[in-house]
Amino acid sequence: MNRRRLIQSLACGATIGSGAGQVTSVLSLEALRNIAEAHGLRLGDERLRVLQPVLERRLPLLRTLREMEIDDRIAPTQGILK
């Protein structure tokens, strides 16, 4: 598990749907702790408090990316190659 994948998982897990398609952030320490543990990591409260504002800043971008329609003909990327 790399750091980027963990942050994406934490951010995705920290959002829930509420009414008419709106997305509300739920960034409690308990939710973040549960998501980290699901990925086999044990992060302390101090570390999770550092992650909270980072994830809050990234949530709008992740929401926008989730809403983008991508044609099925576009293959998944293998990452950025140097």
N, C-alpha and C. Protein backbone atom coordinates (compact mmCIF):
# COMPACT_ATOMS: atom_id res chain seq x y z
N MET A 1 0.85 -1.17 0.00
CA MET A 1 0.00 0.00 0.00
C MET A 1 0.89 1.23 0.00
N ASN A 2 0.74 2.05 -1.02
CA ASN A 2 1.53 3.27 -1.02
C ASN A 2 0.73 4.42 -0.41
N ARG A 3 1.43 5.49 -0.11
CA ARG A 3 0.82 6.63 0.59
C ARG A 3 -0.29 7.25 -0.23
N ARG A 4 -0.11 7.37 -1.55
CA ARG A 4 -1.13 7.97 -2.41
C ARG A 4 -2.42 7.16 -2.36
N ARG A 5 -2.32 5.84 -2.44
CA ARG A 5 -3.51 4.97 -2.40
C ARG A 5 -4.21 5.09 -1.05
N LEU A 6 -3.44 5.18 0.03
CA LEU A 6 -4.05 5.32 1.36
C LEU A 6 -4.82 6.63 1.46
N ILE A 7 -4.23 7.72 1.00
CA ILE A 7 -4.91 9.02 1.08
C ILE A 7 -6.18 9.01 0.23
N GLN A 8 -6.13 8.40 -0.95
CA GLN A 8 -7.33 8.30 -1.78
C GLN A 8 -8.40 7.49 -1.08
N SER A 9 -8.00 6.38 -0.48
CA SER A 9 -8.97 5.54 0.22
C SER A 9 -9.57 6.26 1.41
N LEU A 10 -8.74 6.98 2.15
CA LEU A 10 -9.26 7.73 3.29
C LEU A 10 -10.24 8.80 2.83
N ALA A 11 -9.89 9.50 1.77
CA ALA A 11 -10.77 10.56 1.26
C ALA A 11 -12.07 9.99 0.73
N CYS A 12 -11.99 8.89 0.00
CA CYS A 12 -13.21 8.28 -0.55
C CYS A 12 -14.08 7.72 0.56
N GLY A 13 -13.47 7.14 1.55
CA GLY A 13 -14.21 6.58 2.67
C GLY A 13 -14.79 7.63 3.58
N ALA A 14 -14.29 8.83 3.48
CA ALA A 14 -14.75 9.90 4.37
C ALA A 14 -15.89 10.68 3.79
N THR A 15 -16.47 10.23 2.68
CA THR A 15 -17.62 10.92 2.10
C THR A 15 -18.81 9.98 2.07
N ILE A 16 -19.97 10.56 2.28
CA ILE A 16 -21.19 9.78 2.21
C ILE A 16 -22.22 10.59 1.44
N GLY A 17 -23.17 9.92 0.84
CA GLY A 17 -24.24 10.62 0.13
C GLY A 17 -25.29 11.08 1.12
N SER A 18 -25.88 12.23 0.85
CA SER A 18 -26.95 12.69 1.71
C SER A 18 -27.94 13.48 0.86
N GLY A 19 -29.12 12.96 0.74
CA GLY A 19 -30.17 13.66 -0.01
C GLY A 19 -29.78 13.96 -1.43
N ALA A 20 -30.62 14.25 -2.30
CA ALA A 20 -30.49 14.74 -3.68
C ALA A 20 -29.08 14.76 -4.26
N GLY A 21 -28.30 13.72 -4.06
CA GLY A 21 -26.99 13.62 -4.69
C GLY A 21 -25.89 14.46 -4.06
N GLN A 22 -26.18 15.13 -2.95
CA GLN A 22 -25.14 15.91 -2.31
C GLN A 22 -24.19 14.99 -1.57
N VAL A 23 -22.94 15.41 -1.47
CA VAL A 23 -21.95 14.64 -0.73
C VAL A 23 -21.48 15.47 0.45
N THR A 24 -21.49 14.86 1.61
CA THR A 24 -21.10 15.54 2.84
C THR A 24 -19.84 14.87 3.37
N SER A 25 -18.89 15.65 3.87
CA SER A 25 -17.69 15.02 4.41
C SER A 25 -17.92 14.61 5.85
N VAL A 26 -17.40 13.46 6.18
CA VAL A 26 -17.46 12.94 7.54
C VAL A 26 -16.03 12.56 7.87
N LEU A 27 -15.29 13.50 8.41
CA LEU A 27 -13.89 13.26 8.66
C LEU A 27 -13.60 13.13 10.15
N SER A 28 -14.33 12.27 10.80
CA SER A 28 -14.05 12.04 12.21
C SER A 28 -12.79 11.18 12.34
N LEU A 29 -12.13 11.31 13.46
CA LEU A 29 -10.93 10.50 13.69
C LEU A 29 -11.27 9.01 13.66
N GLU A 30 -12.42 8.67 14.17
CA GLU A 30 -12.84 7.26 14.21
C GLU A 30 -13.00 6.71 12.78
N ALA A 31 -13.63 7.49 11.90
CA ALA A 31 -13.81 7.05 10.51
C ALA A 31 -12.46 6.88 9.83
N LEU A 32 -11.57 7.86 10.01
CA LEU A 32 -10.24 7.77 9.41
C LEU A 32 -9.45 6.59 9.97
N ARG A 33 -9.57 6.36 11.27
CA ARG A 33 -8.88 5.23 11.90
C ARG A 33 -9.38 3.91 11.32
N ASN A 34 -10.69 3.78 11.17
CA ASN A 34 -11.25 2.54 10.63
C ASN A 34 -10.79 2.28 9.20
N ILE A 35 -10.73 3.32 8.40
CA ILE A 35 -10.29 3.16 7.01
C ILE A 35 -8.82 2.77 6.97
N ALA A 36 -8.00 3.41 7.80
CA ALA A 36 -6.57 3.07 7.84
C ALA A 36 -6.38 1.62 8.27
N GLU A 37 -7.13 1.20 9.28
CA GLU A 37 -7.00 -0.17 9.76
C GLU A 37 -7.48 -1.17 8.72
N ALA A 38 -8.45 -0.80 7.92
CA ALA A 38 -8.91 -1.67 6.83
C ALA A 38 -7.80 -1.91 5.82
N HIS A 39 -6.86 -0.98 5.75
CA HIS A 39 -5.72 -1.11 4.85
C HIS A 39 -4.49 -1.65 5.57
N GLY A 40 -4.68 -2.12 6.79
CA GLY A 40 -3.59 -2.74 7.53
C GLY A 40 -2.65 -1.76 8.22
N LEU A 41 -3.09 -0.53 8.42
CA LEU A 41 -2.24 0.47 9.08
C LEU A 41 -2.87 0.90 10.39
N ARG A 42 -2.04 1.15 11.36
CA ARG A 42 -2.49 1.69 12.64
C ARG A 42 -1.88 3.07 12.78
N LEU A 43 -2.71 4.09 12.60
CA LEU A 43 -2.24 5.46 12.71
C LEU A 43 -2.77 6.05 14.00
N GLY A 44 -1.92 6.74 14.73
CA GLY A 44 -2.31 7.38 15.98
C GLY A 44 -3.18 8.60 15.72
N ASP A 45 -3.83 9.07 16.77
CA ASP A 45 -4.70 10.24 16.65
C ASP A 45 -3.95 11.47 16.16
N GLU A 46 -2.71 11.62 16.61
CA GLU A 46 -1.92 12.79 16.18
C GLU A 46 -1.71 12.75 14.66
N ARG A 47 -1.38 11.59 14.13
CA ARG A 47 -1.16 11.43 12.69
C ARG A 47 -2.46 11.65 11.92
N LEU A 48 -3.56 11.14 12.45
CA LEU A 48 -4.86 11.31 11.79
C LEU A 48 -5.28 12.78 11.78
N ARG A 49 -4.95 13.52 12.85
CA ARG A 49 -5.27 14.95 12.89
C ARG A 49 -4.48 15.72 11.83
N VAL A 50 -3.29 15.24 11.50
CA VAL A 50 -2.50 15.86 10.43
C VAL A 50 -3.14 15.57 9.08
N LEU A 51 -3.69 14.38 8.91
CA LEU A 51 -4.31 13.99 7.64
C LEU A 51 -5.66 14.68 7.39
N GLN A 52 -6.40 14.98 8.45
CA GLN A 52 -7.74 15.56 8.28
C GLN A 52 -7.77 16.78 7.37
N PRO A 53 -6.98 17.83 7.60
CA PRO A 53 -7.06 19.00 6.72
C PRO A 53 -6.60 18.71 5.29
N VAL A 54 -5.65 17.79 5.14
CA VAL A 54 -5.18 17.42 3.80
C VAL A 54 -6.33 16.78 3.02
N LEU A 55 -7.03 15.87 3.67
CA LEU A 55 -8.15 15.19 3.01
C LEU A 55 -9.30 16.15 2.73
N GLU A 56 -9.55 17.09 3.64
CA GLU A 56 -10.61 18.06 3.41
C GLU A 56 -10.32 18.92 2.18
N ARG A 57 -9.04 19.25 1.97
CA ARG A 57 -8.68 20.03 0.77
C ARG A 57 -8.80 19.20 -0.49
N ARG A 58 -8.58 17.89 -0.41
CA ARG A 58 -8.62 17.03 -1.60
C ARG A 58 -10.02 16.55 -1.96
N LEU A 59 -10.95 16.60 -1.03
CA LEU A 59 -12.30 16.09 -1.30
C LEU A 59 -12.98 16.73 -2.51
N PRO A 60 -12.93 18.06 -2.68
CA PRO A 60 -13.59 18.63 -3.86
C PRO A 60 -13.01 18.10 -5.18
N LEU A 61 -11.71 17.91 -5.24
CA LEU A 61 -11.09 17.37 -6.45
C LEU A 61 -11.54 15.94 -6.69
N LEU A 62 -11.54 15.12 -5.65
CA LEU A 62 -11.97 13.73 -5.80
C LEU A 62 -13.44 13.65 -6.21
N ARG A 63 -14.27 14.53 -5.67
CA ARG A 63 -15.69 14.56 -6.07
C ARG A 63 -15.82 14.90 -7.54
N THR A 64 -15.05 15.88 -8.01
CA THR A 64 -15.08 16.27 -9.41
C THR A 64 -14.64 15.12 -10.29
N LEU A 65 -13.57 14.44 -9.90
CA LEU A 65 -13.08 13.31 -10.69
C LEU A 65 -14.11 12.18 -10.75
N ARG A 66 -14.80 11.93 -9.64
CA ARG A 66 -15.82 10.87 -9.62
C ARG A 66 -16.98 11.20 -10.56
N GLU A 67 -17.28 12.48 -10.72
CA GLU A 67 -18.41 12.88 -11.55
C GLU A 67 -18.08 12.89 -13.04
N MET A 68 -16.80 12.88 -13.39
CA MET A 68 -16.41 12.89 -14.80
C MET A 68 -16.79 11.58 -15.46
N GLU A 69 -17.36 11.69 -16.65
CA GLU A 69 -17.68 10.49 -17.41
C GLU A 69 -16.49 10.15 -18.29
N ILE A 70 -16.05 8.91 -18.20
CA ILE A 70 -14.93 8.45 -19.00
C ILE A 70 -15.43 7.33 -19.89
N ASP A 71 -15.19 7.48 -21.17
CA ASP A 71 -15.63 6.49 -22.16
C ASP A 71 -14.98 5.14 -21.88
N ASP A 72 -15.72 4.06 -22.08
CA ASP A 72 -15.20 2.71 -21.84
C ASP A 72 -14.03 2.36 -22.74
N ARG A 73 -13.88 3.07 -23.85
CA ARG A 73 -12.77 2.78 -24.77
C ARG A 73 -11.44 3.27 -24.24
N ILE A 74 -11.45 4.09 -23.21
CA ILE A 74 -10.21 4.62 -22.63
C ILE A 74 -9.69 3.61 -21.61
N ALA A 75 -8.48 3.12 -21.87
CA ALA A 75 -7.88 2.11 -21.01
C ALA A 75 -7.34 2.75 -19.73
N PRO A 76 -7.31 1.98 -18.64
CA PRO A 76 -6.74 2.50 -17.40
C PRO A 76 -5.25 2.81 -17.59
N THR A 77 -4.79 3.80 -16.89
CA THR A 77 -3.38 4.18 -16.96
C THR A 77 -2.55 3.27 -16.05
N GLN A 78 -1.32 3.10 -16.41
CA GLN A 78 -0.40 2.33 -15.58
C GLN A 78 0.48 3.26 -14.75
N GLY A 79 0.11 4.52 -14.70
CA GLY A 79 0.89 5.51 -13.97
C GLY A 79 1.71 6.35 -14.93
N ILE A 80 2.42 7.27 -14.39
CA ILE A 80 3.26 8.15 -15.20
C ILE A 80 4.64 7.51 -15.33
N LEU A 81 5.03 7.25 -16.56
CA LEU A 81 6.33 6.63 -16.80
C LEU A 81 7.34 7.72 -17.13
N LYS A 82 8.53 7.59 -16.61
CA LYS A 82 9.58 8.59 -16.87
C LYS A 82 10.27 8.31 -18.17
